[in-house]
Protein backbone atom coordinates (compact mmCIF):
# COMPACT_ATOMS: atom_id res chain seq x y z
CA MET A 1 41.31 78.26 66.84
CA LYS A 2 40.53 74.55 67.17
CA GLN A 3 36.97 75.22 66.03
CA ARG A 4 38.18 76.98 62.86
CA ARG A 5 40.55 74.09 62.08
CA LEU A 6 37.72 71.61 62.60
CA LYS A 7 35.45 73.52 60.20
CA PHE A 8 38.29 73.76 57.66
CA CYS A 9 38.95 70.00 57.82
CA LEU A 10 35.27 69.20 57.46
CA ALA A 11 35.10 71.47 54.40
CA ILE A 12 38.04 69.63 52.80
CA LEU A 13 36.50 66.24 53.50
CA LEU A 14 33.22 67.39 51.97
CA CYS A 15 35.00 68.59 48.83
CA LEU A 16 36.88 65.30 48.52
CA ALA A 17 33.66 63.34 48.90
CA LEU A 18 32.03 65.37 46.15
CA ALA A 19 35.06 64.87 43.91
CA ILE A 20 35.00 61.05 44.13
CA PRO A 21 33.55 59.67 40.87
CA ALA A 22 30.09 58.20 41.23
CA SER A 23 31.26 55.03 39.48
CA SER A 24 33.39 53.92 42.41
CA ALA A 25 30.41 54.13 44.73
CA TYR A 26 28.03 52.75 42.12
CA ALA A 27 29.67 49.34 41.68
CA GLN A 28 27.56 46.42 42.89
CA THR A 29 28.82 42.93 43.66
CA VAL A 30 26.62 39.89 43.00
CA THR A 31 27.47 36.33 44.09
CA SER A 32 24.10 34.55 44.01
CA ASN A 33 21.25 34.19 41.54
CA GLN A 34 19.39 37.43 40.95
CA THR A 35 18.08 39.82 38.30
CA GLY A 36 17.75 43.58 38.41
CA THR A 37 18.54 46.91 36.78
CA HIS A 38 21.86 48.69 37.14
CA GLY A 39 23.35 51.62 35.25
CA GLY A 40 20.37 51.74 32.91
CA TYR A 41 20.82 48.08 31.89
CA ASP A 42 19.04 44.90 32.94
CA TYR A 43 21.31 42.22 34.37
CA GLU A 44 21.12 38.62 35.47
CA TYR A 45 23.45 36.38 37.43
CA TRP A 46 22.52 32.69 37.18
CA LYS A 47 24.31 29.52 38.20
CA ASP A 48 23.31 26.00 39.15
CA SER A 49 26.33 25.28 41.35
CA GLY A 50 29.84 26.53 42.08
CA ASN A 51 31.48 29.88 42.76
CA GLY A 52 31.14 33.07 40.77
CA THR A 53 31.36 36.83 41.33
CA MET A 54 29.89 39.55 39.14
CA VAL A 55 30.73 43.21 39.71
CA LEU A 56 28.32 45.58 37.96
CA GLY A 57 29.91 48.77 36.62
CA ASN A 58 28.68 51.87 34.84
CA GLY A 59 26.30 51.39 31.92
CA GLY A 60 26.61 47.94 30.44
CA THR A 61 30.04 47.17 31.90
CA PHE A 62 30.75 44.36 34.34
CA THR A 63 33.41 41.92 35.48
CA ALA A 64 33.01 38.19 36.02
CA GLU A 65 35.04 35.53 37.78
CA TRP A 66 34.12 31.87 38.22
CA ASN A 67 35.57 28.57 39.41
CA ASN A 68 34.38 25.09 40.40
CA ILE A 69 31.09 25.74 38.64
CA ASN A 70 28.82 23.49 36.62
CA ASN A 71 27.07 26.21 34.61
CA ILE A 72 27.03 29.99 35.14
CA LEU A 73 25.89 33.01 33.11
CA PHE A 74 26.73 36.67 33.71
CA ARG A 75 24.80 39.06 31.49
CA LYS A 76 23.87 42.70 31.06
CA GLY A 77 21.55 44.06 28.39
CA LYS A 78 17.84 44.72 27.88
CA ARG A 79 14.66 42.89 28.88
CA PHE A 80 11.53 43.28 26.75
CA ASN A 81 7.89 42.63 27.56
CA GLU A 82 7.31 39.75 25.10
CA THR A 83 4.85 41.77 22.98
CA GLN A 84 7.01 42.82 20.01
CA THR A 85 9.15 41.13 17.38
CA HIS A 86 12.64 42.39 16.70
CA GLN A 87 11.34 44.11 13.55
CA GLN A 88 8.81 46.05 15.64
CA ILE A 89 11.43 46.98 18.24
CA GLY A 90 13.89 48.29 15.65
CA ASN A 91 17.52 47.71 14.73
CA ILE A 92 19.58 46.24 17.59
CA SER A 93 23.38 46.48 17.81
CA ILE A 94 26.05 46.20 20.50
CA ASP A 95 29.46 47.87 20.65
CA TYR A 96 31.64 45.99 23.09
CA GLY A 97 35.14 45.31 24.37
CA ALA A 98 36.30 42.67 26.83
CA ASN A 99 39.41 41.21 28.40
CA TYR A 100 38.24 37.60 28.25
CA GLN A 101 40.30 34.88 29.94
CA PRO A 102 38.47 31.53 30.00
CA ASN A 103 40.04 28.36 31.35
CA GLY A 104 38.01 25.55 29.83
CA ASN A 105 34.55 25.62 28.27
CA SER A 106 33.14 29.15 28.06
CA TYR A 107 31.47 31.59 25.63
CA LEU A 108 31.63 35.36 25.11
CA THR A 109 28.32 35.85 23.40
CA VAL A 110 25.17 37.84 22.78
CA TYR A 111 22.45 35.81 24.45
CA GLY A 112 18.71 35.94 24.83
CA TRP A 113 15.28 34.43 24.35
CA THR A 114 12.12 34.89 22.33
CA VAL A 115 8.64 33.53 22.99
CA ASP A 116 6.00 32.23 20.55
CA PRO A 117 8.10 30.39 19.48
CA LEU A 118 10.29 29.79 22.52
CA VAL A 119 13.89 30.17 21.31
CA GLU A 120 17.21 30.45 23.13
CA TYR A 121 19.81 32.17 20.95
CA TYR A 122 23.55 32.80 20.88
CA ILE A 123 25.80 35.06 18.78
CA VAL A 124 29.21 33.72 19.85
CA GLU A 125 32.17 36.06 19.45
CA SER A 126 34.81 34.03 21.35
CA TRP A 127 35.05 30.82 23.31
CA GLY A 128 37.31 28.73 25.50
CA SER A 129 38.41 25.13 24.95
CA TRP A 130 35.40 24.07 22.84
CA ARG A 131 33.70 25.79 19.90
CA PRO A 132 29.93 25.44 20.24
CA PRO A 133 27.49 23.95 19.52
CA GLY A 134 28.85 20.69 18.07
CA ALA A 135 26.30 20.44 15.23
CA SER A 136 26.20 20.65 11.43
CA SER A 137 26.29 24.19 10.02
CA LYS A 138 23.24 25.43 8.11
CA GLY A 139 25.45 27.79 6.13
CA THR A 140 27.46 30.93 6.72
CA VAL A 141 26.71 34.64 6.86
CA SER A 142 29.07 37.61 6.55
CA ILE A 143 28.32 40.29 9.15
CA ASP A 144 30.48 43.07 10.66
CA GLY A 145 33.53 42.02 8.66
CA GLY A 146 33.49 38.43 9.91
CA THR A 147 32.05 35.06 8.91
CA TYR A 148 29.64 33.18 11.15
CA ASP A 149 28.44 29.58 10.96
CA ILE A 150 24.72 29.20 11.59
CA TYR A 151 23.36 26.29 13.60
CA GLU A 152 20.02 25.10 14.95
CA THR A 153 19.79 22.63 17.81
CA THR A 154 16.96 21.25 19.94
CA ARG A 155 16.75 21.17 23.73
CA THR A 156 14.32 18.53 25.00
CA ASN A 157 12.66 18.95 28.41
CA GLN A 158 15.25 21.43 29.64
CA PRO A 159 15.07 24.54 31.89
CA SER A 160 13.93 27.71 30.15
CA ILE A 161 12.42 31.11 30.91
CA LYS A 162 9.05 29.30 30.77
CA GLY A 163 9.96 26.39 33.02
CA THR A 164 10.94 22.96 31.74
CA GLN A 165 10.25 22.98 28.00
CA THR A 166 11.39 21.59 24.66
CA PHE A 167 12.68 24.47 22.51
CA GLN A 168 15.04 25.40 19.69
CA GLN A 169 18.47 26.99 20.06
CA TYR A 170 19.75 29.29 17.30
CA TRP A 171 23.47 29.94 16.93
CA SER A 172 25.76 32.26 14.98
CA VAL A 173 29.35 31.29 15.79
CA ARG A 174 32.22 33.38 14.47
CA THR A 175 34.81 31.41 12.54
CA SER A 176 37.63 33.40 14.15
CA LYS A 177 37.58 34.69 17.72
CA ARG A 178 37.39 38.36 18.65
CA THR A 179 36.82 40.24 21.90
CA SER A 180 35.82 43.72 20.73
CA GLY A 181 33.88 45.39 17.95
CA THR A 182 30.32 45.92 16.76
CA ILE A 183 27.72 43.15 16.72
CA SER A 184 24.81 43.89 14.35
CA VAL A 185 22.38 41.75 16.32
CA SER A 186 19.36 42.28 14.05
CA ASN A 187 21.34 41.04 11.05
CA HIS A 188 21.81 37.69 12.76
CA PHE A 189 18.10 37.52 13.53
CA SER A 190 17.33 38.12 9.85
CA ALA A 191 19.92 35.57 8.73
CA TRP A 192 18.28 32.93 10.94
CA GLU A 193 14.83 33.74 9.61
CA ASN A 194 16.20 33.51 6.08
CA ARG A 195 16.96 29.85 6.81
CA GLY A 196 13.53 29.01 8.15
CA MET A 197 14.42 29.62 11.81
CA PRO A 198 11.57 31.87 13.03
CA MET A 199 12.12 34.39 15.81
CA GLY A 200 9.30 35.10 18.23
CA LYS A 201 8.52 38.09 20.40
CA MET A 202 11.53 39.46 22.20
CA TYR A 203 12.24 38.63 25.83
CA GLU A 204 15.91 39.61 26.12
CA VAL A 205 19.15 40.62 24.40
CA ALA A 206 22.30 40.77 26.53
CA LEU A 207 26.07 40.63 26.25
CA THR A 208 26.93 37.50 28.21
CA VAL A 209 29.82 35.52 29.62
CA GLU A 210 28.96 31.86 30.14
CA GLY A 211 31.06 29.19 31.80
CA TYR A 212 30.44 25.46 31.81
CA GLN A 213 32.44 23.13 34.06
CA SER A 214 35.33 25.59 33.89
CA SER A 215 36.95 28.60 35.51
CA GLY A 216 37.97 32.00 34.22
CA SER A 217 37.51 35.74 34.29
CA ALA A 218 36.28 38.55 32.06
CA ASN A 219 36.37 42.32 32.25
CA VAL A 220 33.66 43.69 29.97
CA TYR A 221 34.99 47.23 29.88
CA SER A 222 32.66 48.38 27.09
CA ASN A 223 29.07 47.31 26.37
CA THR A 224 26.77 49.80 24.64
CA LEU A 225 23.42 48.50 23.45
CA THR A 226 21.69 50.56 20.74
CA ILE A 227 18.05 50.02 19.78
CA GLY A 228 16.46 51.78 16.82
CA GLY A 229 18.02 53.79 14.04
CA GLY A 230 19.20 52.57 10.66
CA GLY A 231 21.26 49.61 9.68
CA ASN A 232 19.35 46.41 9.13
CA ASP A 233 17.88 45.94 5.66
CA GLY A 234 16.50 42.50 6.40
CA GLY A 235 18.91 40.79 4.02
CA GLY A 236 21.72 40.52 6.50
CA ASN A 237 23.24 43.76 5.23
CA ASN A 238 23.72 46.62 7.67
CA GLY A 239 24.81 49.10 5.03
CA GLY A 240 28.49 48.34 5.52
CA GLY A 241 29.01 46.02 2.56
CA ASN A 242 27.82 42.87 4.33
CA ALA A 243 25.85 40.13 2.60
CA THR A 244 23.70 37.17 3.52
CA ARG A 245 24.78 33.85 2.02
CA VAL A 246 22.37 30.92 1.99
CA GLU A 247 23.84 27.51 1.12
CA ALA A 248 21.76 25.55 -1.39
CA GLU A 249 21.89 22.35 0.64
CA SER A 250 20.23 24.16 3.58
CA MET A 251 17.17 25.07 1.46
CA SER A 252 14.01 23.01 1.01
CA LYS A 253 14.17 20.70 -2.03
CA SER A 254 11.32 19.67 -4.31
CA GLY A 255 10.97 17.99 -7.67
CA GLN A 256 11.44 14.42 -8.85
CA TYR A 257 15.22 14.50 -9.19
CA THR A 258 16.49 17.33 -6.96
CA GLY A 259 19.34 16.16 -4.73
CA ASN A 260 22.58 17.07 -2.95
CA ILE A 261 25.95 16.87 -4.73
CA GLY A 262 29.59 16.87 -3.62
CA SER A 263 31.17 17.97 -6.93
CA PRO A 264 32.09 20.49 -8.35
CA PHE A 265 31.10 21.88 -4.93
CA ASN A 266 28.87 20.92 -2.02
CA GLY A 267 25.46 21.98 -3.25
CA VAL A 268 22.28 20.85 -5.01
CA ALA A 269 21.61 19.51 -8.51
CA LEU A 270 18.43 20.50 -10.34
CA TYR A 271 18.04 17.78 -12.94
CA ALA A 272 14.59 18.18 -14.50
CA ASN A 273 12.03 20.81 -15.41
CA ASN A 274 10.50 22.42 -12.27
CA ASP A 275 13.06 20.92 -9.91
CA LYS A 276 13.64 23.64 -7.32
CA ILE A 277 15.05 24.71 -3.99
CA SER A 278 13.40 27.36 -1.79
CA TYR A 279 13.41 29.06 1.60
CA ASN A 280 11.63 31.87 3.44
CA GLN A 281 13.34 35.22 3.93
CA TYR A 282 12.35 38.35 5.77
CA PHE A 283 12.88 41.59 3.79
CA ALA A 284 12.63 44.95 5.56
CA SER A 285 13.26 46.82 2.29
CA GLY A 286 12.05 46.06 -1.21
CA THR A 287 15.20 46.11 -3.39
CA HIS A 288 18.22 43.78 -3.33
CA SER A 289 20.78 42.24 -5.66
CA PHE A 290 20.95 38.44 -5.87
CA SER A 291 24.09 36.47 -6.77
CA LEU A 292 23.91 32.73 -7.44
CA ARG A 293 27.04 30.55 -7.67
CA GLY A 294 26.43 27.61 -9.94
CA ALA A 295 27.45 25.61 -12.99
CA SER A 296 26.13 23.47 -15.81
CA ASN A 297 27.01 19.80 -16.05
CA ASN A 298 28.41 20.40 -19.58
CA ASN A 299 28.90 23.18 -22.12
CA ASN A 300 25.17 23.64 -22.74
CA MET A 301 23.52 26.72 -21.22
CA ALA A 302 21.91 26.01 -17.85
CA ARG A 303 19.14 28.37 -16.74
CA VAL A 304 17.73 28.84 -13.23
CA ASP A 305 14.80 31.19 -12.60
CA LEU A 306 14.53 33.38 -9.49
CA ARG A 307 11.06 33.80 -8.03
CA ILE A 308 10.16 35.84 -4.96
CA GLY A 309 6.68 35.71 -3.52
CA GLY A 310 5.57 33.64 -6.51
CA GLN A 311 6.70 36.28 -9.04
CA TYR A 312 9.41 35.81 -11.66
CA LYS A 313 12.38 38.15 -11.01
CA GLY A 314 15.02 37.04 -13.52
CA THR A 315 17.20 34.14 -14.70
CA PHE A 316 20.71 32.99 -13.80
CA TYR A 317 22.74 31.54 -16.74
CA TYR A 318 25.64 29.05 -16.61
CA GLY A 319 27.44 28.11 -19.83
CA GLY A 320 29.87 25.48 -18.62
CA SER A 321 30.90 23.08 -15.90
CA TYR A 322 33.32 25.51 -14.22
CA PRO A 323 31.59 27.22 -11.23
CA ALA A 324 30.70 30.88 -11.78
CA VAL A 325 28.70 33.60 -10.06
CA TYR A 326 25.83 35.28 -11.93
CA THR A 327 24.19 38.38 -10.44
CA ILE A 328 20.78 39.97 -10.97
CA ASN A 329 21.01 43.56 -9.75
CA ASN A 330 18.36 45.84 -8.20
CA VAL A 331 15.56 43.32 -7.92
CA SER A 332 12.29 44.82 -6.65
CA HIS A 333 10.21 42.50 -4.47
CA GLY A 334 7.74 42.41 -1.63
CA THR A 335 8.69 43.10 1.97
CA GLY A 336 8.16 40.98 5.06
CA ASN A 337 8.44 37.20 4.88
CA GLN A 338 8.77 36.09 1.27
CA LEU A 339 9.28 32.69 -0.37
CA VAL A 340 12.47 32.70 -2.46
CA GLU A 341 12.59 29.96 -5.14
CA LEU A 342 15.31 28.81 -7.56
CA ILE A 343 13.70 26.75 -10.33
CA VAL A 344 14.81 24.97 -13.50
CA THR A 345 12.15 25.88 -16.08
CA ALA A 346 13.70 25.13 -19.49
CA ASP A 347 15.20 21.66 -19.25
CA ASN A 348 15.66 20.10 -22.69
CA GLY A 349 17.36 16.93 -21.51
CA GLN A 350 20.82 18.19 -22.45
CA TRP A 351 22.02 19.76 -19.21
CA ASP A 352 21.61 19.88 -15.45
CA ALA A 353 21.99 22.91 -13.19
CA PHE A 354 24.28 22.73 -10.15
CA VAL A 355 23.69 25.35 -7.41
CA ASP A 356 26.19 26.24 -4.67
CA TYR A 357 24.79 29.25 -2.77
CA LEU A 358 22.63 32.37 -3.09
CA GLU A 359 24.03 35.66 -1.80
CA ILE A 360 21.85 38.70 -1.12
CA ASN A 361 23.33 42.23 -1.06
């Protein structure tokens, strides 16, 4: 009788063990610097000093807690082999959700590196007591229903994935915080390249919680990284009505009289024939619409030519001093990196062209 009961109890215990979800047994706790693979995602825990705990969950999920730290990063995403650009890898996006509770300086961000050139990059979705990076914006871009400021900063003789180096940092920082949604990562890469900020070969892309001289916690309850598929058209548009906006003052200026202005908007004045502004943009597809906000300095007609890859693509017209947007639709052009130029070509000494921004749809 006792033997039967023993067998019965063992059978119940076996069934209960099989019924326990694998996730509860699969969690892994990390409290010191290490990298690895967990749940099909690459992860890294890095700190220079202080206390922090990372619990790795299913897929891309994880929790993070930190206190008394100087600098700490918790991240989970994908490592690459430094042989392909983001265009060669394919469209990259992240669907995420987090309960993010920073106390002090911290970022909830997409983070990673490229090599050749060596670049450390951030797509900041939310932050703690300080909005990074404390620099002058190179313009804004509209992606995933939000507006991001773009920044470029330089790190001189600082730690990197290649040892102590001098390298660039690229930033997209959302103008309003959020802690869930879709991040069209490749669109940010294209927006940076549009402003002359070249990306190299991919080393990493990861959803990251960073803390700096602070404390806090985060529960990243959703983190799905998708690579490949449709979405990124190279103009900052992922097919969802987004557009890339390039501020005129962030472009390269040439010509005898080209210069910045503060009225009727912050932009650039093109005063004389062949004065121009230009920048390099990566196009994955060969057709876009271009909208230029501008004005004339009086009631005479101001004309600004659009050239892409050295070829004339149309003219923007402004018949007065009140700012207006003129659009050239369905422009066919080359793909890959192309030089985009805005040029005054018919100056008769009676007007000047003022340029605010170029938007690509």
